[in-house]
Amino acid sequence: MRCVGPRARRCGELGGVSACEGVGDVGCGSGALAVGRDRGFGAAAVWAVDPSDRSVAAVRLRHAQVRVEVAWAEKLPFAPQRFDAALAQLVVHFMGDPVAGLREMARVTRADGVVAACVWDHAGGHGPLSLFWRAARELDPNVEDESRLAGARRGHLGELLYAAGVAAIEETILSVAVEHPSFEEWWEPFMLGVGPAGAYVGRLDARRQAQLRDLCRETLPPAPFSVTARAWAARGHT
């Protein structure tokens, strides 16, 4: 699940982002820091990277003013001290080397600039996919969920930022409510093979997929429904 619209604004607030010379959106997905157009500095101030060709193409289609290219967090294609702030929205847990990725974000952020990140509370059972993983564990007690991913537990994002050389670290919790008009709309992303949940569904045969889908449907309230989730968030200064 990407952080867009109101969710992206919450991440922007975490990063202390307002009018500025430039913001680096690391792991932009297909949204490219929607906060850019909602907080006054404009999409033209955003520089975005993502390792997925498809995501980069989607950003170019949806946000023509955003400068975006294919790149990994661990090797950002920017000069030192290029940005006023660098944000990683729901991305750190997907980095191959989270400390290296955050260190790169600090490198491209000006002196006393802001490096900020957030990750869903997978370990605490309050992420947007927690219901999915509870259902999966009911059918398969040995399933490997997202609770051990980087930044997904209390205090871990701060530890990672500290290890990356970021100073004056602050941590908080962001809470959001995600509206779903139907169960089918909620379930569809799992069938696309995206992320650990999608990969898990993709490994199931049709019968097991149907069992998991039906169990999730039974657990969720009648549509339309809202899923409330929270994310661990942290920021610091270079």
C-alpha atoms as a PDB file:
ATOM      1  CA  MET A   1       0.000   0.000   0.000  1.00  0.00           C
ATOM      2  CA  ARG A   2       1.504   3.315  -1.041  1.00  0.00           C
ATOM      3  CA  CYS A   3       1.330   6.520   0.951  1.00  0.00           C
ATOM      4  CA  VAL A   4      -0.650   9.033  -1.108  1.00  0.00           C
ATOM      5  CA  GLY A   5      -3.087  11.888  -0.575  1.00  0.00           C
ATOM      6  CA  PRO A   6      -3.761  12.515   3.142  1.00  0.00           C
ATOM      7  CA  ARG A   7      -1.363   9.741   4.083  1.00  0.00           C
ATOM      8  CA  ALA A   8       1.435  11.391   2.124  1.00  0.00           C
ATOM      9  CA  ARG A   9       0.682  14.712   3.813  1.00  0.00           C
ATOM     10  CA  ARG A  10       1.189  13.059   7.181  1.00  0.00           C
ATOM     11  CA  CYS A  11       4.620  11.882   6.043  1.00  0.00           C
ATOM     12  CA  GLY A  12       5.405  15.362   4.769  1.00  0.00           C
ATOM     13  CA  GLU A  13       4.498  16.829   8.131  1.00  0.00           C
ATOM     14  CA  LEU A  14       6.778  14.293   9.779  1.00  0.00           C
ATOM     15  CA  GLY A  15       9.611  15.451   7.558  1.00  0.00           C
ATOM     16  CA  GLY A  16       9.016  19.110   8.390  1.00  0.00           C
ATOM     17  CA  VAL A  17       8.537  19.756   4.684  1.00  0.00           C
ATOM     18  CA  SER A  18       7.125  23.109   3.593  1.00  0.00           C
ATOM     19  CA  ALA A  19       8.410  25.569   0.995  1.00  0.00           C
ATOM     20  CA  CYS A  20      11.840  24.328  -0.042  1.00  0.00           C
ATOM     21  CA  GLU A  21      14.382  24.009  -2.823  1.00  0.00           C
ATOM     22  CA  GLY A  22      13.934  20.312  -3.293  1.00  0.00           C
ATOM     23  CA  VAL A  23      12.621  17.091  -1.789  1.00  0.00           C
ATOM     24  CA  GLY A  24      13.917  13.619  -2.541  1.00  0.00           C
ATOM     25  CA  ASP A  25      11.210  10.940  -2.637  1.00  0.00           C
ATOM     26  CA  VAL A  26      13.026   7.618  -2.275  1.00  0.00           C
ATOM     27  CA  GLY A  27      11.015   4.601  -3.375  1.00  0.00           C
ATOM     28  CA  CYS A  28       8.251   6.722  -4.851  1.00  0.00           C
ATOM     29  CA  GLY A  29       6.133   3.854  -6.170  1.00  0.00           C
ATOM     30  CA  SER A  30       3.499   5.207  -8.527  1.00  0.00           C
ATOM     31  CA  GLY A  31       2.532   8.192  -6.372  1.00  0.00           C
ATOM     32  CA  ALA A  32       5.686  10.328  -6.174  1.00  0.00           C
ATOM     33  CA  LEU A  33       5.185  12.243  -2.980  1.00  0.00           C
ATOM     34  CA  ALA A  34       1.636  13.561  -3.461  1.00  0.00           C
ATOM     35  CA  VAL A  35       2.458  15.911  -0.572  1.00  0.00           C
ATOM     36  CA  GLY A  36       4.420  17.933  -3.131  1.00  0.00           C
ATOM     37  CA  ARG A  37       1.314  19.460  -4.625  1.00  0.00           C
ATOM     38  CA  ASP A  38      -0.603  19.740  -1.367  1.00  0.00           C
ATOM     39  CA  ARG A  39       1.863  21.629   0.826  1.00  0.00           C
ATOM     40  CA  GLY A  40       2.792  24.620  -1.284  1.00  0.00           C
ATOM     41  CA  PHE A  41       6.191  23.807  -2.769  1.00  0.00           C
ATOM     42  CA  GLY A  42       4.823  22.196  -5.928  1.00  0.00           C
ATOM     43  CA  ALA A  43       5.505  18.971  -7.777  1.00  0.00           C
ATOM     44  CA  ALA A  44       8.410  20.613  -9.640  1.00  0.00           C
ATOM     45  CA  ALA A  45      10.392  20.636  -6.372  1.00  0.00           C
ATOM     46  CA  VAL A  46      10.185  16.836  -6.106  1.00  0.00           C
ATOM     47  CA  TRP A  47      12.901  14.497  -7.345  1.00  0.00           C
ATOM     48  CA  ALA A  48      11.842  10.871  -7.174  1.00  0.00           C
ATOM     49  CA  VAL A  49      13.462   7.474  -7.608  1.00  0.00           C
ATOM     50  CA  ASP A  50      12.175   3.915  -7.615  1.00  0.00           C
ATOM     51  CA  PRO A  51      13.783   0.620  -8.665  1.00  0.00           C
ATOM     52  CA  SER A  52      10.694  -0.373 -10.677  1.00  0.00           C
ATOM     53  CA  ASP A  53      10.495   0.638 -14.341  1.00  0.00           C
ATOM     54  CA  ARG A  54       6.699   0.362 -14.182  1.00  0.00           C
ATOM     55  CA  SER A  55       6.449   2.682 -11.190  1.00  0.00           C
ATOM     56  CA  VAL A  56       8.690   5.275 -12.805  1.00  0.00           C
ATOM     57  CA  ALA A  57       6.592   5.159 -15.970  1.00  0.00           C
ATOM     58  CA  ALA A  58       3.427   5.653 -13.907  1.00  0.00           C
ATOM     59  CA  VAL A  59       4.915   8.673 -12.145  1.00  0.00           C
ATOM     60  CA  ARG A  60       5.881  10.269 -15.444  1.00  0.00           C
ATOM     61  CA  LEU A  61       2.347   9.756 -16.700  1.00  0.00           C
ATOM     62  CA  ARG A  62       0.579  11.083 -13.594  1.00  0.00           C
ATOM     63  CA  HIS A  63       2.999  13.793 -12.414  1.00  0.00           C
ATOM     64  CA  ALA A  64       4.636  15.342 -15.459  1.00  0.00           C
ATOM     65  CA  GLN A  65       6.513  17.979 -13.449  1.00  0.00           C
ATOM     66  CA  VAL A  66       8.154  15.480 -11.117  1.00  0.00           C
ATOM     67  CA  ARG A  67      11.670  14.494 -12.146  1.00  0.00           C
ATOM     68  CA  VAL A  68      11.862  10.751 -11.686  1.00  0.00           C
ATOM     69  CA  GLU A  69      14.264   7.973 -12.631  1.00  0.00           C
ATOM     70  CA  VAL A  70      15.031   4.349 -11.951  1.00  0.00           C
ATOM     71  CA  ALA A  71      17.441   3.979  -9.029  1.00  0.00           C
ATOM     72  CA  TRP A  72      17.924   2.068  -5.790  1.00  0.00           C
ATOM     73  CA  ALA A  73      17.906   3.748  -2.397  1.00  0.00           C
ATOM     74  CA  GLU A  74      21.353   2.345  -1.671  1.00  0.00           C
ATOM     75  CA  LYS A  75      22.828   4.202  -4.666  1.00  0.00           C
ATOM     76  CA  LEU A  76      21.051   7.499  -5.258  1.00  0.00           C
ATOM     77  CA  PRO A  77      22.002   9.365  -8.461  1.00  0.00           C
ATOM     78  CA  PHE A  78      22.275  12.771  -6.800  1.00  0.00           C
ATOM     79  CA  ALA A  79      25.102  15.049  -5.702  1.00  0.00           C
ATOM     80  CA  PRO A  80      25.800  15.522  -1.969  1.00  0.00           C
ATOM     81  CA  GLN A  81      23.535  17.991  -0.132  1.00  0.00           C
ATOM     82  CA  ARG A  82      21.145  18.252  -3.097  1.00  0.00           C
ATOM     83  CA  PHE A  83      17.874  18.406  -1.107  1.00  0.00           C
ATOM     84  CA  ASP A  84      16.359  20.147   1.871  1.00  0.00           C
ATOM     85  CA  ALA A  85      14.676  16.878   2.855  1.00  0.00           C
ATOM     86  CA  ALA A  86      14.647  13.228   1.833  1.00  0.00           C
ATOM     87  CA  LEU A  87      11.646  11.035   2.591  1.00  0.00           C
ATOM     88  CA  ALA A  88      11.075   7.279   2.380  1.00  0.00           C
ATOM     89  CA  GLN A  89       7.364   6.580   2.684  1.00  0.00           C
ATOM     90  CA  LEU A  90       6.600   2.933   3.519  1.00  0.00           C
ATOM     91  CA  VAL A  91       9.823   1.919   1.803  1.00  0.00           C
ATOM     92  CA  VAL A  92      12.578   1.207   4.352  1.00  0.00           C
ATOM     93  CA  HIS A  93      11.357  -2.341   4.998  1.00  0.00           C
ATOM     94  CA  PHE A  94      11.793  -3.133   1.292  1.00  0.00           C
ATOM     95  CA  MET A  95      15.377  -1.820   1.056  1.00  0.00           C
ATOM     96  CA  GLY A  96      18.030  -4.474   0.549  1.00  0.00           C
ATOM     97  CA  ASP A  97      20.249  -2.625   3.045  1.00  0.00           C
ATOM     98  CA  PRO A  98      18.151  -0.162   5.100  1.00  0.00           C
ATOM     99  CA  VAL A  99      21.116   1.495   6.812  1.00  0.00           C
ATOM    100  CA  ALA A 100      22.882   2.031   3.494  1.00  0.00           C
ATOM    101  CA  GLY A 101      19.687   3.445   1.981  1.00  0.00           C
ATOM    102  CA  LEU A 102      19.149   5.877   4.847  1.00  0.00           C
ATOM    103  CA  ARG A 103      22.842   6.833   4.764  1.00  0.00           C
ATOM    104  CA  GLU A 104      22.444   7.680   1.077  1.00  0.00           C
ATOM    105  CA  MET A 105      19.387   9.784   1.903  1.00  0.00           C
ATOM    106  CA  ALA A 106      21.464  11.675   4.467  1.00  0.00           C
ATOM    107  CA  ARG A 107      24.272  12.154   1.947  1.00  0.00           C
ATOM    108  CA  VAL A 108      22.026  13.893  -0.567  1.00  0.00           C
ATOM    109  CA  THR A 109      20.382  16.110   2.093  1.00  0.00           C
ATOM    110  CA  ARG A 110      21.889  19.490   2.958  1.00  0.00           C
ATOM    111  CA  ALA A 111      23.504  20.205   6.307  1.00  0.00           C
ATOM    112  CA  ASP A 112      20.804  20.359   8.999  1.00  0.00           C
ATOM    113  CA  GLY A 113      18.264  19.076   6.503  1.00  0.00           C
ATOM    114  CA  VAL A 114      15.684  16.418   7.323  1.00  0.00           C
ATOM    115  CA  VAL A 115      15.713  12.676   6.676  1.00  0.00           C
ATOM    116  CA  ALA A 116      12.370  11.040   7.466  1.00  0.00           C
ATOM    117  CA  ALA A 117      10.767   7.638   7.044  1.00  0.00           C
ATOM    118  CA  CYS A 118       7.713   5.651   8.056  1.00  0.00           C
ATOM    119  CA  VAL A 119       6.851   1.951   8.037  1.00  0.00           C
ATOM    120  CA  TRP A 120       3.562   0.216   8.815  1.00  0.00           C
ATOM    121  CA  ASP A 121       3.295  -1.289  12.299  1.00  0.00           C
ATOM    122  CA  HIS A 122       3.474  -4.862  11.053  1.00  0.00           C
ATOM    123  CA  ALA A 123       5.080  -6.194  14.236  1.00  0.00           C
ATOM    124  CA  GLY A 124       2.423  -4.660  16.477  1.00  0.00           C
ATOM    125  CA  GLY A 125      -0.438  -6.037  14.407  1.00  0.00           C
ATOM    126  CA  HIS A 126      -1.781  -2.606  13.461  1.00  0.00           C
ATOM    127  CA  GLY A 127      -0.749  -2.397   9.825  1.00  0.00           C
ATOM    128  CA  PRO A 128      -3.294  -2.273   6.985  1.00  0.00           C
ATOM    129  CA  LEU A 129      -2.518  -5.913   6.131  1.00  0.00           C
ATOM    130  CA  SER A 130      -2.704  -7.283   9.671  1.00  0.00           C
ATOM    131  CA  LEU A 131      -6.092  -8.890   9.095  1.00  0.00           C
ATOM    132  CA  PHE A 132      -4.756 -10.591   5.975  1.00  0.00           C
ATOM    133  CA  TRP A 133      -1.796 -12.064   7.873  1.00  0.00           C
ATOM    134  CA  ARG A 134      -3.983 -13.205  10.783  1.00  0.00           C
ATOM    135  CA  ALA A 135      -6.156 -15.107   8.329  1.00  0.00           C
ATOM    136  CA  ALA A 136      -3.095 -16.551   6.611  1.00  0.00           C
ATOM    137  CA  ARG A 137      -1.687 -17.749   9.949  1.00  0.00           C
ATOM    138  CA  GLU A 138      -5.008 -19.394  10.816  1.00  0.00           C
ATOM    139  CA  LEU A 139      -4.669 -21.512   7.679  1.00  0.00           C
ATOM    140  CA  ASP A 140      -0.893 -21.866   7.883  1.00  0.00           C
ATOM    141  CA  PRO A 141       0.691 -21.341  11.339  1.00  0.00           C
ATOM    142  CA  ASN A 142       4.170 -21.366   9.763  1.00  0.00           C
ATOM    143  CA  VAL A 143       3.528 -18.469   7.392  1.00  0.00           C
ATOM    144  CA  GLU A 144       6.250 -15.804   7.350  1.00  0.00           C
ATOM    145  CA  ASP A 145       4.557 -12.422   7.620  1.00  0.00           C
ATOM    146  CA  GLU A 146       5.982  -8.871   7.577  1.00  0.00           C
ATOM    147  CA  SER A 147       6.503  -8.442  11.328  1.00  0.00           C
ATOM    148  CA  ARG A 148      10.274  -8.936  11.152  1.00  0.00           C
ATOM    149  CA  LEU A 149      10.898  -6.431   8.373  1.00  0.00           C
ATOM    150  CA  ALA A 150      13.094  -3.405   8.999  1.00  0.00           C
ATOM    151  CA  GLY A 151      11.345  -0.560  10.807  1.00  0.00           C
ATOM    152  CA  ALA A 152       8.165  -2.536  11.436  1.00  0.00           C
ATOM    153  CA  ARG A 153       8.529  -2.569  15.231  1.00  0.00           C
ATOM    154  CA  ARG A 154       8.649   0.176  17.846  1.00  0.00           C
ATOM    155  CA  GLY A 155      11.906   2.100  17.906  1.00  0.00           C
ATOM    156  CA  HIS A 156      13.577   0.284  15.033  1.00  0.00           C
ATOM    157  CA  LEU A 157      13.363   3.146  12.543  1.00  0.00           C
ATOM    158  CA  GLY A 158      15.170   5.372  15.037  1.00  0.00           C
ATOM    159  CA  GLU A 159      17.860   2.737  15.462  1.00  0.00           C
ATOM    160  CA  LEU A 160      18.328   2.517  11.705  1.00  0.00           C
ATOM    161  CA  LEU A 161      18.560   6.303  11.317  1.00  0.00           C
ATOM    162  CA  TYR A 162      21.126   6.466  14.116  1.00  0.00           C
ATOM    163  CA  ALA A 163      23.192   3.743  12.465  1.00  0.00           C
ATOM    164  CA  ALA A 164      23.043   5.755   9.232  1.00  0.00           C
ATOM    165  CA  GLY A 165      24.569   8.792  10.967  1.00  0.00           C
ATOM    166  CA  VAL A 166      21.392  10.858  11.321  1.00  0.00           C
ATOM    167  CA  ALA A 167      21.185  13.032  14.445  1.00  0.00           C
ATOM    168  CA  ALA A 168      18.477  14.592  16.649  1.00  0.00           C
ATOM    169  CA  ILE A 169      16.070  11.737  15.926  1.00  0.00           C
ATOM    170  CA  GLU A 170      12.377  12.058  16.808  1.00  0.00           C
ATOM    171  CA  GLU A 171       9.869   9.237  16.638  1.00  0.00           C
ATOM    172  CA  THR A 172       6.078   9.153  16.554  1.00  0.00           C
ATOM    173  CA  ILE A 173       3.084   7.159  15.328  1.00  0.00           C
ATOM    174  CA  LEU A 174       0.970   8.082  12.322  1.00  0.00           C
ATOM    175  CA  SER A 175      -2.609   6.791  12.273  1.00  0.00           C
ATOM    176  CA  VAL A 176      -4.706   6.649   9.112  1.00  0.00           C
ATOM    177  CA  ALA A 177      -8.052   5.228   8.021  1.00  0.00           C
ATOM    178  CA  VAL A 178      -8.316   3.648   4.581  1.00  0.00           C
ATOM    179  CA  GLU A 179     -11.773   3.402   2.995  1.00  0.00           C
ATOM    180  CA  HIS A 180     -12.683   0.359   0.902  1.00  0.00           C
ATOM    181  CA  PRO A 181     -15.896   0.406  -1.169  1.00  0.00           C
ATOM    182  CA  SER A 182     -16.010  -3.371  -1.554  1.00  0.00           C
ATOM    183  CA  PHE A 183     -14.297  -6.558  -0.492  1.00  0.00           C
ATOM    184  CA  GLU A 184     -13.181  -7.146  -4.081  1.00  0.00           C
ATOM    185  CA  GLU A 185     -11.374  -3.793  -4.127  1.00  0.00           C
ATOM    186  CA  TRP A 186      -9.631  -4.716  -0.843  1.00  0.00           C
ATOM    187  CA  TRP A 187      -8.632  -8.189  -2.110  1.00  0.00           C
ATOM    188  CA  GLU A 188      -7.526  -7.316  -5.654  1.00  0.00           C
ATOM    189  CA  PRO A 189      -4.015  -5.998  -4.766  1.00  0.00           C
ATOM    190  CA  PHE A 190      -3.122  -9.344  -3.198  1.00  0.00           C
ATOM    191  CA  MET A 191      -3.660 -11.015  -6.573  1.00  0.00           C
ATOM    192  CA  LEU A 192      -1.130  -8.749  -8.286  1.00  0.00           C
ATOM    193  CA  GLY A 193       1.889 -10.334  -6.632  1.00  0.00           C
ATOM    194  CA  VAL A 194       3.099  -7.085  -5.076  1.00  0.00           C
ATOM    195  CA  GLY A 195       5.010  -7.178  -1.798  1.00  0.00           C
ATOM    196  CA  PRO A 196       5.275 -10.084   0.662  1.00  0.00           C
ATOM    197  CA  ALA A 197       1.485 -10.531   0.864  1.00  0.00           C
ATOM    198  CA  GLY A 198       1.075 -10.653  -2.900  1.00  0.00           C
ATOM    199  CA  ALA A 199       4.016 -13.028  -3.224  1.00  0.00           C
ATOM    200  CA  TYR A 200       2.469 -15.317  -0.608  1.00  0.00           C
ATOM    201  CA  VAL A 201      -0.890 -15.419  -2.403  1.00  0.00           C
ATOM    202  CA  GLY A 202       0.909 -16.105  -5.672  1.00  0.00           C
ATOM    203  CA  ARG A 203       2.495 -19.226  -4.194  1.00  0.00           C
ATOM    204  CA  LEU A 204      -0.875 -20.690  -3.177  1.00  0.00           C
ATOM    205  CA  ASP A 205      -2.873 -22.983  -5.434  1.00  0.00           C
ATOM    206  CA  ALA A 206      -6.401 -21.977  -6.419  1.00  0.00           C
ATOM    207  CA  ARG A 207      -8.031 -23.913  -3.576  1.00  0.00           C
ATOM    208  CA  ARG A 208      -5.846 -22.346  -0.881  1.00  0.00           C
ATOM    209  CA  GLN A 209      -6.304 -18.903  -2.408  1.00  0.00           C
ATOM    210  CA  ALA A 210     -10.065 -19.351  -2.233  1.00  0.00           C
ATOM    211  CA  GLN A 211      -9.870 -20.489   1.405  1.00  0.00           C
ATOM    212  CA  LEU A 212      -7.809 -17.450   2.350  1.00  0.00           C
ATOM    213  CA  ARG A 213     -10.058 -15.085   0.425  1.00  0.00           C
ATOM    214  CA  ASP A 214     -13.206 -16.506   2.027  1.00  0.00           C
ATOM    215  CA  LEU A 215     -11.715 -16.315   5.524  1.00  0.00           C
ATOM    216  CA  CYS A 216     -10.748 -12.678   4.990  1.00  0.00           C
ATOM    217  CA  ARG A 217     -14.236 -11.912   3.694  1.00  0.00           C
ATOM    218  CA  GLU A 218     -15.797 -13.488   6.794  1.00  0.00           C
ATOM    219  CA  THR A 219     -13.541 -11.465   9.089  1.00  0.00           C
ATOM    220  CA  LEU A 220     -14.023  -8.066   7.493  1.00  0.00           C
ATOM    221  CA  PRO A 221     -17.179  -6.019   8.157  1.00  0.00           C
ATOM    222  CA  PRO A 222     -19.771  -5.580   5.401  1.00  0.00           C
ATOM    223  CA  ALA A 223     -18.767  -3.202   2.629  1.00  0.00           C
ATOM    224  CA  PRO A 224     -18.176  -0.360   2.457  1.00  0.00           C
ATOM    225  CA  PHE A 225     -15.736  -0.531   5.348  1.00  0.00           C
ATOM    226  CA  SER A 226     -12.777   1.326   6.766  1.00  0.00           C
ATOM    227  CA  VAL A 227      -9.456  -0.157   7.903  1.00  0.00           C
ATOM    228  CA  THR A 228      -7.583   1.855  10.508  1.00  0.00           C
ATOM    229  CA  ALA A 229      -3.834   1.382  10.522  1.00  0.00           C
ATOM    230  CA  ARG A 230      -0.798   2.989  12.075  1.00  0.00           C
ATOM    231  CA  ALA A 231       2.790   3.455  11.021  1.00  0.00           C
ATOM    232  CA  TRP A 232       5.990   3.921  12.980  1.00  0.00           C
ATOM    233  CA  ALA A 233       7.629   7.146  11.869  1.00  0.00           C
ATOM    234  CA  ALA A 234      10.939   8.831  12.569  1.00  0.00           C
ATOM    235  CA  ARG A 235      12.918  11.825  11.405  1.00  0.00           C
ATOM    236  CA  GLY A 236      16.287  13.314  12.117  1.00  0.00           C
ATOM    237  CA  HIS A 237      18.768  15.905  10.896  1.00  0.00           C
ATOM    238  CA  THR A 238      21.932  15.578   8.874  1.00  0.00           C
END
